[in-house]
Amino acid sequence: MKQCAYCGRDNTDEAPNCRECGTEFEQLDKAAIPEEPKQLELSRPEHPSGISGGLKSIASLTVDEARDLLERLKKEGIPAAAKPVTQVGGLEYSDIMVEDRNYERACDVAEAWEADCRAETERRSNRFCPRCGSRHLGYVTTETFGTIWKCKDCGNDFAK
């Protein structure tokens, strides 16, 4: 196992880049690797992602989701990094960090990515509204029945 000098995440020895923050191991200068990994700081001009200014979080996602969003941000030319966060229950998440100057644009990209993920989930779903056939469904909590499905197109409530 090798540890990322940027975020501290353990990675397999053959990994070309960190599975958490995307740092490419070949790009790291041996002299720049600190003895102990440090937490993400507000200014990291040496980071290979190109982030140099104050940072803001745009999302807190699972490791796999974070990797997908980081790739989308990279395609849009927005430097970003993932900061590992472990929840109290032991769940591991990543905060997606971007420079202040890219915050608004990155939020727009993240919202579009989320909408695409939701649409893909709906497309693959085997659930549909019995009234109109739509797969555009959401959960609703009621006092009588607990959680039920609600069609976002026709408004039909149903249990399945």
C-alpha atoms as a PDB file:
ATOM      1  CA  MET A   1       0.000   0.000   0.000  1.00  0.00           C
ATOM      2  CA  LYS A   2       1.153   3.514  -0.735  1.00  0.00           C
ATOM      3  CA  GLN A   3      -0.199   6.609   0.932  1.00  0.00           C
ATOM      4  CA  CYS A   4      -1.106   9.793  -0.926  1.00  0.00           C
ATOM      5  CA  ALA A   5       1.132  12.649   0.159  1.00  0.00           C
ATOM      6  CA  TYR A   6      -1.672  15.115  -0.468  1.00  0.00           C
ATOM      7  CA  CYS A   7      -4.727  13.648   1.298  1.00  0.00           C
ATOM      8  CA  GLY A   8      -3.283  10.686   3.231  1.00  0.00           C
ATOM      9  CA  ARG A   9      -5.506   8.015   1.617  1.00  0.00           C
ATOM     10  CA  ASP A  10      -4.065   4.483   1.355  1.00  0.00           C
ATOM     11  CA  ASN A  11      -3.883   3.200  -2.236  1.00  0.00           C
ATOM     12  CA  THR A  12      -2.710  -0.001  -3.859  1.00  0.00           C
ATOM     13  CA  ASP A  13       0.954  -0.042  -4.909  1.00  0.00           C
ATOM     14  CA  GLU A  14       0.063  -0.200  -8.611  1.00  0.00           C
ATOM     15  CA  ALA A  15      -2.408   2.734  -8.494  1.00  0.00           C
ATOM     16  CA  PRO A  16      -1.341   5.534 -10.886  1.00  0.00           C
ATOM     17  CA  ASN A  17      -3.271   8.127  -8.877  1.00  0.00           C
ATOM     18  CA  CYS A  18      -4.993   8.506  -5.536  1.00  0.00           C
ATOM     19  CA  ARG A  19      -8.480   6.998  -5.499  1.00  0.00           C
ATOM     20  CA  GLU A  20      -9.619   9.756  -3.137  1.00  0.00           C
ATOM     21  CA  CYS A  21      -8.293  13.056  -4.486  1.00  0.00           C
ATOM     22  CA  GLY A  22      -6.967  12.082  -7.915  1.00  0.00           C
ATOM     23  CA  THR A  23      -3.362  13.130  -7.270  1.00  0.00           C
ATOM     24  CA  GLU A  24      -1.101  11.377  -9.767  1.00  0.00           C
ATOM     25  CA  PHE A  25       1.724   9.659  -7.913  1.00  0.00           C
ATOM     26  CA  GLU A  26       4.224  10.132 -10.772  1.00  0.00           C
ATOM     27  CA  GLN A  27       3.733  13.908 -10.645  1.00  0.00           C
ATOM     28  CA  LEU A  28       4.752  14.231  -7.020  1.00  0.00           C
ATOM     29  CA  ASP A  29       8.307  15.431  -6.537  1.00  0.00           C
ATOM     30  CA  LYS A  30       9.993  13.309  -3.867  1.00  0.00           C
ATOM     31  CA  ALA A  31      11.229  16.454  -2.124  1.00  0.00           C
ATOM     32  CA  ALA A  32       7.672  17.794  -1.911  1.00  0.00           C
ATOM     33  CA  ILE A  33       6.290  14.754  -0.082  1.00  0.00           C
ATOM     34  CA  PRO A  34       5.916  15.574   3.612  1.00  0.00           C
ATOM     35  CA  GLU A  35       6.832  12.979   6.238  1.00  0.00           C
ATOM     36  CA  GLU A  36       3.255  12.964   7.552  1.00  0.00           C
ATOM     37  CA  PRO A  37       0.217  13.596   5.356  1.00  0.00           C
ATOM     38  CA  LYS A  38      -1.441  16.943   6.035  1.00  0.00           C
ATOM     39  CA  GLN A  39      -5.085  17.904   5.924  1.00  0.00           C
ATOM     40  CA  LEU A  40      -6.271  19.988   2.999  1.00  0.00           C
ATOM     41  CA  GLU A  41      -5.262  23.597   3.624  1.00  0.00           C
ATOM     42  CA  LEU A  42      -6.892  26.775   2.391  1.00  0.00           C
ATOM     43  CA  SER A  43      -4.093  27.386  -0.097  1.00  0.00           C
ATOM     44  CA  ARG A  44      -2.227  24.550  -1.826  1.00  0.00           C
ATOM     45  CA  PRO A  45      -0.411  26.037  -4.852  1.00  0.00           C
ATOM     46  CA  GLU A  46       1.729  22.912  -5.278  1.00  0.00           C
ATOM     47  CA  HIS A  47      -1.238  20.573  -5.733  1.00  0.00           C
ATOM     48  CA  PRO A  48      -1.251  18.924  -9.188  1.00  0.00           C
ATOM     49  CA  SER A  49      -4.946  19.731  -9.659  1.00  0.00           C
ATOM     50  CA  GLY A  50      -4.036  23.404 -10.071  1.00  0.00           C
ATOM     51  CA  ILE A  51      -5.947  24.621  -7.011  1.00  0.00           C
ATOM     52  CA  SER A  52      -4.231  27.661  -5.564  1.00  0.00           C
ATOM     53  CA  GLY A  53      -6.776  29.965  -3.862  1.00  0.00           C
ATOM     54  CA  GLY A  54      -9.129  29.739  -0.895  1.00  0.00           C
ATOM     55  CA  LEU A  55     -11.273  26.620  -1.058  1.00  0.00           C
ATOM     56  CA  LYS A  56     -14.989  25.928  -0.654  1.00  0.00           C
ATOM     57  CA  SER A  57     -16.825  22.618  -0.529  1.00  0.00           C
ATOM     58  CA  ILE A  58     -19.430  22.074  -3.246  1.00  0.00           C
ATOM     59  CA  ALA A  59     -20.513  18.554  -2.269  1.00  0.00           C
ATOM     60  CA  SER A  60     -20.012  15.720   0.196  1.00  0.00           C
ATOM     61  CA  LEU A  61     -20.199  12.405  -1.649  1.00  0.00           C
ATOM     62  CA  THR A  62     -19.241   8.755  -1.440  1.00  0.00           C
ATOM     63  CA  VAL A  63     -15.790   7.939  -2.790  1.00  0.00           C
ATOM     64  CA  ASP A  64     -17.147   6.626  -6.113  1.00  0.00           C
ATOM     65  CA  GLU A  65     -19.514   9.563  -6.587  1.00  0.00           C
ATOM     66  CA  ALA A  66     -16.691  11.985  -5.759  1.00  0.00           C
ATOM     67  CA  ARG A  67     -14.488  10.392  -8.403  1.00  0.00           C
ATOM     68  CA  ASP A  68     -17.240  10.838 -11.017  1.00  0.00           C
ATOM     69  CA  LEU A  69     -17.859  14.472 -10.112  1.00  0.00           C
ATOM     70  CA  LEU A  70     -14.118  15.244 -10.069  1.00  0.00           C
ATOM     71  CA  GLU A  71     -13.879  13.844 -13.587  1.00  0.00           C
ATOM     72  CA  ARG A  72     -16.802  16.029 -14.732  1.00  0.00           C
ATOM     73  CA  LEU A  73     -15.206  19.118 -13.171  1.00  0.00           C
ATOM     74  CA  LYS A  74     -11.898  18.287 -14.845  1.00  0.00           C
ATOM     75  CA  LYS A  75     -13.623  18.059 -18.251  1.00  0.00           C
ATOM     76  CA  GLU A  76     -15.111  21.507 -17.603  1.00  0.00           C
ATOM     77  CA  GLY A  77     -11.655  22.906 -16.809  1.00  0.00           C
ATOM     78  CA  ILE A  78     -12.402  23.488 -13.121  1.00  0.00           C
ATOM     79  CA  PRO A  79      -9.569  22.468 -10.765  1.00  0.00           C
ATOM     80  CA  ALA A  80     -10.936  20.478  -7.827  1.00  0.00           C
ATOM     81  CA  ALA A  81      -9.766  18.127  -5.102  1.00  0.00           C
ATOM     82  CA  ALA A  82     -11.377  15.639  -2.731  1.00  0.00           C
ATOM     83  CA  LYS A  83     -10.900  15.936   1.021  1.00  0.00           C
ATOM     84  CA  PRO A  84     -11.565  12.637   2.828  1.00  0.00           C
ATOM     85  CA  VAL A  85     -14.077  12.816   5.683  1.00  0.00           C
ATOM     86  CA  THR A  86     -15.017   9.920   7.961  1.00  0.00           C
ATOM     87  CA  GLN A  87     -18.463  10.159   9.528  1.00  0.00           C
ATOM     88  CA  VAL A  88     -19.088   9.167  13.155  1.00  0.00           C
ATOM     89  CA  GLY A  89     -20.512   5.800  12.070  1.00  0.00           C
ATOM     90  CA  GLY A  90     -17.367   5.045  10.043  1.00  0.00           C
ATOM     91  CA  LEU A  91     -18.787   5.910   6.614  1.00  0.00           C
ATOM     92  CA  GLU A  92     -16.208   7.495   4.344  1.00  0.00           C
ATOM     93  CA  TYR A  93     -17.138  10.528   2.282  1.00  0.00           C
ATOM     94  CA  SER A  94     -15.218  13.055   0.254  1.00  0.00           C
ATOM     95  CA  ASP A  95     -15.779  16.789   0.315  1.00  0.00           C
ATOM     96  CA  ILE A  96     -15.254  18.169  -3.191  1.00  0.00           C
ATOM     97  CA  MET A  97     -13.230  21.366  -2.840  1.00  0.00           C
ATOM     98  CA  VAL A  98     -12.875  24.138  -5.437  1.00  0.00           C
ATOM     99  CA  GLU A  99     -11.319  27.591  -5.419  1.00  0.00           C
ATOM    100  CA  ASP A 100     -13.537  30.478  -4.360  1.00  0.00           C
ATOM    101  CA  ARG A 101     -13.344  31.976  -7.852  1.00  0.00           C
ATOM    102  CA  ASN A 102     -14.711  28.739  -9.408  1.00  0.00           C
ATOM    103  CA  TYR A 103     -17.388  28.083  -6.793  1.00  0.00           C
ATOM    104  CA  GLU A 104     -20.483  29.216  -8.726  1.00  0.00           C
ATOM    105  CA  ARG A 105     -19.448  27.460 -11.949  1.00  0.00           C
ATOM    106  CA  ALA A 106     -18.522  24.290 -10.037  1.00  0.00           C
ATOM    107  CA  CYS A 107     -21.911  24.299  -8.283  1.00  0.00           C
ATOM    108  CA  ASP A 108     -23.620  24.499 -11.685  1.00  0.00           C
ATOM    109  CA  VAL A 109     -21.544  21.556 -12.948  1.00  0.00           C
ATOM    110  CA  ALA A 110     -22.334  19.577  -9.759  1.00  0.00           C
ATOM    111  CA  GLU A 111     -26.072  20.234 -10.140  1.00  0.00           C
ATOM    112  CA  ALA A 112     -25.981  19.116 -13.782  1.00  0.00           C
ATOM    113  CA  TRP A 113     -24.009  15.993 -12.784  1.00  0.00           C
ATOM    114  CA  GLU A 114     -26.577  15.210 -10.059  1.00  0.00           C
ATOM    115  CA  ALA A 115     -29.462  15.650 -12.514  1.00  0.00           C
ATOM    116  CA  ASP A 116     -27.733  13.302 -14.967  1.00  0.00           C
ATOM    117  CA  CYS A 117     -27.239  10.700 -12.211  1.00  0.00           C
ATOM    118  CA  ARG A 118     -30.900  10.992 -11.184  1.00  0.00           C
ATOM    119  CA  ALA A 119     -32.053  10.639 -14.800  1.00  0.00           C
ATOM    120  CA  GLU A 120     -29.873   7.546 -15.261  1.00  0.00           C
ATOM    121  CA  THR A 121     -31.291   6.005 -12.075  1.00  0.00           C
ATOM    122  CA  GLU A 122     -34.834   6.692 -13.266  1.00  0.00           C
ATOM    123  CA  ARG A 123     -34.025   5.230 -16.687  1.00  0.00           C
ATOM    124  CA  ARG A 124     -32.773   1.997 -15.096  1.00  0.00           C
ATOM    125  CA  SER A 125     -35.593   1.783 -12.551  1.00  0.00           C
ATOM    126  CA  ASN A 126     -38.239  -0.905 -12.761  1.00  0.00           C
ATOM    127  CA  ARG A 127     -40.651   1.274 -10.754  1.00  0.00           C
ATOM    128  CA  PHE A 128     -43.221   3.340 -12.555  1.00  0.00           C
ATOM    129  CA  CYS A 129     -46.419   5.235 -11.792  1.00  0.00           C
ATOM    130  CA  PRO A 130     -49.462   2.975 -12.255  1.00  0.00           C
ATOM    131  CA  ARG A 131     -51.519   5.970 -13.422  1.00  0.00           C
ATOM    132  CA  CYS A 132     -49.287   7.626 -16.062  1.00  0.00           C
ATOM    133  CA  GLY A 133     -46.344   5.202 -16.474  1.00  0.00           C
ATOM    134  CA  SER A 134     -43.718   7.797 -15.491  1.00  0.00           C
ATOM    135  CA  ARG A 135     -40.476   6.690 -13.837  1.00  0.00           C
ATOM    136  CA  HIS A 136     -40.046  10.165 -12.320  1.00  0.00           C
ATOM    137  CA  LEU A 137     -40.882   9.174  -8.722  1.00  0.00           C
ATOM    138  CA  GLY A 138     -40.006  10.346  -5.234  1.00  0.00           C
ATOM    139  CA  TYR A 139     -40.585   9.233  -1.656  1.00  0.00           C
ATOM    140  CA  VAL A 140     -43.205  10.874   0.569  1.00  0.00           C
ATOM    141  CA  THR A 141     -43.608  10.182   4.287  1.00  0.00           C
ATOM    142  CA  THR A 142     -47.165  10.033   5.621  1.00  0.00           C
ATOM    143  CA  GLU A 143     -48.493   9.493   9.146  1.00  0.00           C
ATOM    144  CA  THR A 144     -50.859   6.734   8.017  1.00  0.00           C
ATOM    145  CA  PHE A 145     -48.752   4.643   5.637  1.00  0.00           C
ATOM    146  CA  GLY A 146     -45.163   5.663   6.386  1.00  0.00           C
ATOM    147  CA  THR A 147     -43.122   6.045   3.201  1.00  0.00           C
ATOM    148  CA  ILE A 148     -44.948   5.862  -0.120  1.00  0.00           C
ATOM    149  CA  TRP A 149     -44.107   6.732  -3.728  1.00  0.00           C
ATOM    150  CA  LYS A 150     -45.285   9.962  -5.361  1.00  0.00           C
ATOM    151  CA  CYS A 151     -45.240  10.524  -9.103  1.00  0.00           C
ATOM    152  CA  LYS A 152     -43.554  13.844  -9.870  1.00  0.00           C
ATOM    153  CA  ASP A 153     -45.407  14.089 -13.190  1.00  0.00           C
ATOM    154  CA  CYS A 154     -49.069  13.418 -12.330  1.00  0.00           C
ATOM    155  CA  GLY A 155     -48.982  13.649  -8.505  1.00  0.00           C
ATOM    156  CA  ASN A 156     -50.300  10.123  -7.928  1.00  0.00           C
ATOM    157  CA  ASP A 157     -49.447   8.631  -4.493  1.00  0.00           C
ATOM    158  CA  PHE A 158     -49.018   4.858  -4.303  1.00  0.00           C
ATOM    159  CA  ALA A 159     -47.315   2.055  -2.381  1.00  0.00           C
ATOM    160  CA  LYS A 160     -45.414  -0.608  -4.194  1.00  0.00           C
END
